[in-house]
Amino acid sequence: MATEAQIAKSKGKQKFPTRKVNRCWKCGRRHGYMRDFDLCRICFRELADRGEIPGITRSSW
C-alpha cells in the first residue's frame, strides 16, 4: 500500500515526462499496473471475481 505522500508526489507535475508513475486508483500500488483498467493486478482480480468490471469473465477450460 502506497503512503499518501507517495501518491501525492506521483500526481504532481514531473520535471521530466519519463518520471511519470502510473498508480492504481484503488490502492496506490505502482507495480503490476494495467493501463486499460487503471488498476493493479491485485485490485483487478478482486473486482473481476466480484463481477464489478463489465465484460470480464474468468477463463476456465
N, C-alpha and C. Protein backbone atom coordinates (compact mmCIF):
# COMPACT_ATOMS: atom_id res chain seq x y z
N MET A 1 0.84 -1.17 0.00
CA MET A 1 0.00 0.00 0.00
C MET A 1 0.89 1.23 0.00
N ALA A 2 0.61 2.13 -0.90
CA ALA A 2 1.40 3.35 -1.00
C ALA A 2 0.97 4.35 0.07
N THR A 3 1.94 5.12 0.54
CA THR A 3 1.62 6.16 1.51
C THR A 3 0.97 7.34 0.80
N GLU A 4 0.33 8.18 1.56
CA GLU A 4 -0.33 9.35 0.98
C GLU A 4 0.68 10.28 0.33
N ALA A 5 1.87 10.37 0.91
CA ALA A 5 2.91 11.24 0.34
C ALA A 5 3.37 10.72 -1.02
N GLN A 6 3.52 9.41 -1.16
CA GLN A 6 3.93 8.84 -2.44
C GLN A 6 2.87 9.06 -3.51
N ILE A 7 1.62 8.91 -3.13
CA ILE A 7 0.52 9.11 -4.08
C ILE A 7 0.46 10.57 -4.51
N ALA A 8 0.59 11.48 -3.56
CA ALA A 8 0.56 12.91 -3.87
C ALA A 8 1.73 13.31 -4.76
N LYS A 9 2.89 12.75 -4.49
CA LYS A 9 4.08 13.07 -5.29
C LYS A 9 3.92 12.60 -6.74
N SER A 10 3.32 11.44 -6.94
CA SER A 10 3.16 10.93 -8.30
C SER A 10 2.07 11.66 -9.07
N LYS A 11 1.14 12.31 -8.37
CA LYS A 11 0.08 13.05 -9.05
C LYS A 11 0.55 14.42 -9.54
N GLY A 12 1.59 14.94 -8.94
CA GLY A 12 2.10 16.26 -9.32
C GLY A 12 2.79 16.25 -10.66
N LYS A 13 3.08 17.45 -11.18
CA LYS A 13 3.76 17.57 -12.46
C LYS A 13 5.22 17.17 -12.28
N GLN A 14 5.68 16.31 -13.18
CA GLN A 14 7.05 15.81 -13.10
C GLN A 14 7.99 16.73 -13.88
N LYS A 15 9.25 16.76 -13.46
CA LYS A 15 10.25 17.55 -14.15
C LYS A 15 10.51 17.00 -15.55
N PHE A 16 10.53 15.68 -15.67
CA PHE A 16 10.71 15.01 -16.95
C PHE A 16 9.54 14.07 -17.16
N PRO A 17 9.00 13.97 -18.40
CA PRO A 17 7.81 13.13 -18.63
C PRO A 17 8.04 11.65 -18.37
N THR A 18 9.29 11.18 -18.46
CA THR A 18 9.54 9.76 -18.25
C THR A 18 9.47 9.37 -16.77
N ARG A 19 9.41 10.35 -15.90
CA ARG A 19 9.31 10.05 -14.47
C ARG A 19 7.88 9.81 -14.00
N LYS A 20 6.92 9.94 -14.90
CA LYS A 20 5.52 9.75 -14.54
C LYS A 20 5.32 8.33 -14.01
N VAL A 21 4.64 8.22 -12.89
CA VAL A 21 4.39 6.92 -12.27
C VAL A 21 2.90 6.63 -12.35
N ASN A 22 2.56 5.51 -12.98
CA ASN A 22 1.16 5.08 -13.02
C ASN A 22 0.85 4.34 -11.73
N ARG A 23 -0.24 4.71 -11.09
CA ARG A 23 -0.63 4.07 -9.85
C ARG A 23 -2.09 3.61 -9.92
N CYS A 24 -2.38 2.55 -9.21
CA CYS A 24 -3.73 2.03 -9.10
C CYS A 24 -4.61 3.07 -8.41
N TRP A 25 -5.80 3.31 -8.93
CA TRP A 25 -6.66 4.31 -8.33
C TRP A 25 -7.24 3.83 -7.00
N LYS A 26 -7.25 2.53 -6.81
CA LYS A 26 -7.88 1.99 -5.61
C LYS A 26 -6.91 1.91 -4.43
N CYS A 27 -5.70 1.39 -4.66
CA CYS A 27 -4.78 1.18 -3.54
C CYS A 27 -3.49 1.98 -3.65
N GLY A 28 -3.17 2.50 -4.83
CA GLY A 28 -1.96 3.30 -4.99
C GLY A 28 -0.73 2.50 -5.38
N ARG A 29 -0.88 1.22 -5.62
CA ARG A 29 0.24 0.36 -6.00
C ARG A 29 0.74 0.74 -7.39
N ARG A 30 2.07 0.70 -7.61
CA ARG A 30 2.60 1.08 -8.91
C ARG A 30 3.09 -0.09 -9.74
N HIS A 31 3.40 -1.20 -9.13
CA HIS A 31 3.84 -2.37 -9.89
C HIS A 31 2.62 -3.24 -10.23
N GLY A 32 2.68 -3.90 -11.36
CA GLY A 32 1.56 -4.73 -11.79
C GLY A 32 0.38 -3.91 -12.24
N TYR A 33 0.64 -2.73 -12.79
CA TYR A 33 -0.39 -1.78 -13.20
C TYR A 33 -0.90 -2.11 -14.59
N MET A 34 -2.22 -2.09 -14.78
CA MET A 34 -2.82 -2.31 -16.09
C MET A 34 -3.46 -1.02 -16.57
N ARG A 35 -2.91 -0.48 -17.66
CA ARG A 35 -3.37 0.81 -18.17
C ARG A 35 -4.82 0.78 -18.64
N ASP A 36 -5.25 -0.35 -19.19
CA ASP A 36 -6.61 -0.43 -19.72
C ASP A 36 -7.66 -0.22 -18.63
N PHE A 37 -7.35 -0.62 -17.41
CA PHE A 37 -8.32 -0.56 -16.33
C PHE A 37 -7.93 0.43 -15.23
N ASP A 38 -6.71 0.98 -15.29
CA ASP A 38 -6.21 1.91 -14.28
C ASP A 38 -6.18 1.25 -12.90
N LEU A 39 -5.88 -0.06 -12.89
CA LEU A 39 -5.84 -0.85 -11.66
C LEU A 39 -4.57 -1.68 -11.61
N CYS A 40 -4.17 -2.07 -10.40
CA CYS A 40 -3.09 -3.04 -10.27
C CYS A 40 -3.69 -4.44 -10.42
N ARG A 41 -2.83 -5.42 -10.56
CA ARG A 41 -3.29 -6.78 -10.81
C ARG A 41 -4.11 -7.34 -9.65
N ILE A 42 -3.78 -6.94 -8.43
CA ILE A 42 -4.47 -7.46 -7.26
C ILE A 42 -5.89 -6.91 -7.18
N CYS A 43 -6.03 -5.59 -7.35
CA CYS A 43 -7.36 -4.98 -7.31
C CYS A 43 -8.19 -5.43 -8.51
N PHE A 44 -7.54 -5.60 -9.66
CA PHE A 44 -8.25 -6.09 -10.84
C PHE A 44 -8.87 -7.45 -10.57
N ARG A 45 -8.09 -8.33 -9.96
CA ARG A 45 -8.59 -9.67 -9.70
C ARG A 45 -9.74 -9.64 -8.69
N GLU A 46 -9.62 -8.83 -7.66
CA GLU A 46 -10.69 -8.73 -6.66
C GLU A 46 -11.99 -8.25 -7.30
N LEU A 47 -11.91 -7.19 -8.11
CA LEU A 47 -13.11 -6.65 -8.74
C LEU A 47 -13.68 -7.58 -9.79
N ALA A 48 -12.80 -8.26 -10.54
CA ALA A 48 -13.26 -9.19 -11.56
C ALA A 48 -13.95 -10.40 -10.93
N ASP A 49 -13.42 -10.89 -9.82
CA ASP A 49 -14.05 -12.02 -9.15
C ASP A 49 -15.44 -11.68 -8.63
N ARG A 50 -15.62 -10.43 -8.21
CA ARG A 50 -16.93 -9.99 -7.72
C ARG A 50 -17.87 -9.59 -8.86
N GLY A 51 -17.34 -9.54 -10.10
CA GLY A 51 -18.16 -9.18 -11.25
C GLY A 51 -18.42 -7.70 -11.36
N GLU A 52 -17.54 -6.88 -10.82
CA GLU A 52 -17.75 -5.43 -10.83
C GLU A 52 -17.11 -4.75 -12.03
N ILE A 53 -16.36 -5.50 -12.85
CA ILE A 53 -15.79 -4.95 -14.07
C ILE A 53 -16.58 -5.52 -15.23
N PRO A 54 -17.31 -4.69 -15.97
CA PRO A 54 -18.14 -5.20 -17.04
C PRO A 54 -17.31 -5.79 -18.18
N GLY A 55 -17.75 -6.93 -18.69
CA GLY A 55 -17.11 -7.57 -19.82
C GLY A 55 -15.97 -8.50 -19.46
N ILE A 56 -15.64 -8.65 -18.20
CA ILE A 56 -14.55 -9.52 -17.78
C ILE A 56 -15.14 -10.78 -17.16
N THR A 57 -14.73 -11.93 -17.70
CA THR A 57 -15.14 -13.20 -17.15
C THR A 57 -13.92 -14.05 -16.87
N ARG A 58 -14.00 -14.93 -15.93
CA ARG A 58 -12.89 -15.84 -15.63
C ARG A 58 -12.80 -16.89 -16.72
N SER A 59 -11.58 -17.20 -17.09
CA SER A 59 -11.43 -18.24 -18.10
C SER A 59 -11.26 -19.58 -17.40
N SER A 60 -11.84 -20.59 -17.98
CA SER A 60 -11.68 -21.94 -17.45
C SER A 60 -11.77 -22.91 -18.62
N TRP A 61 -11.01 -23.94 -18.56
CA TRP A 61 -11.03 -24.94 -19.62
C TRP A 61 -10.73 -26.30 -19.08
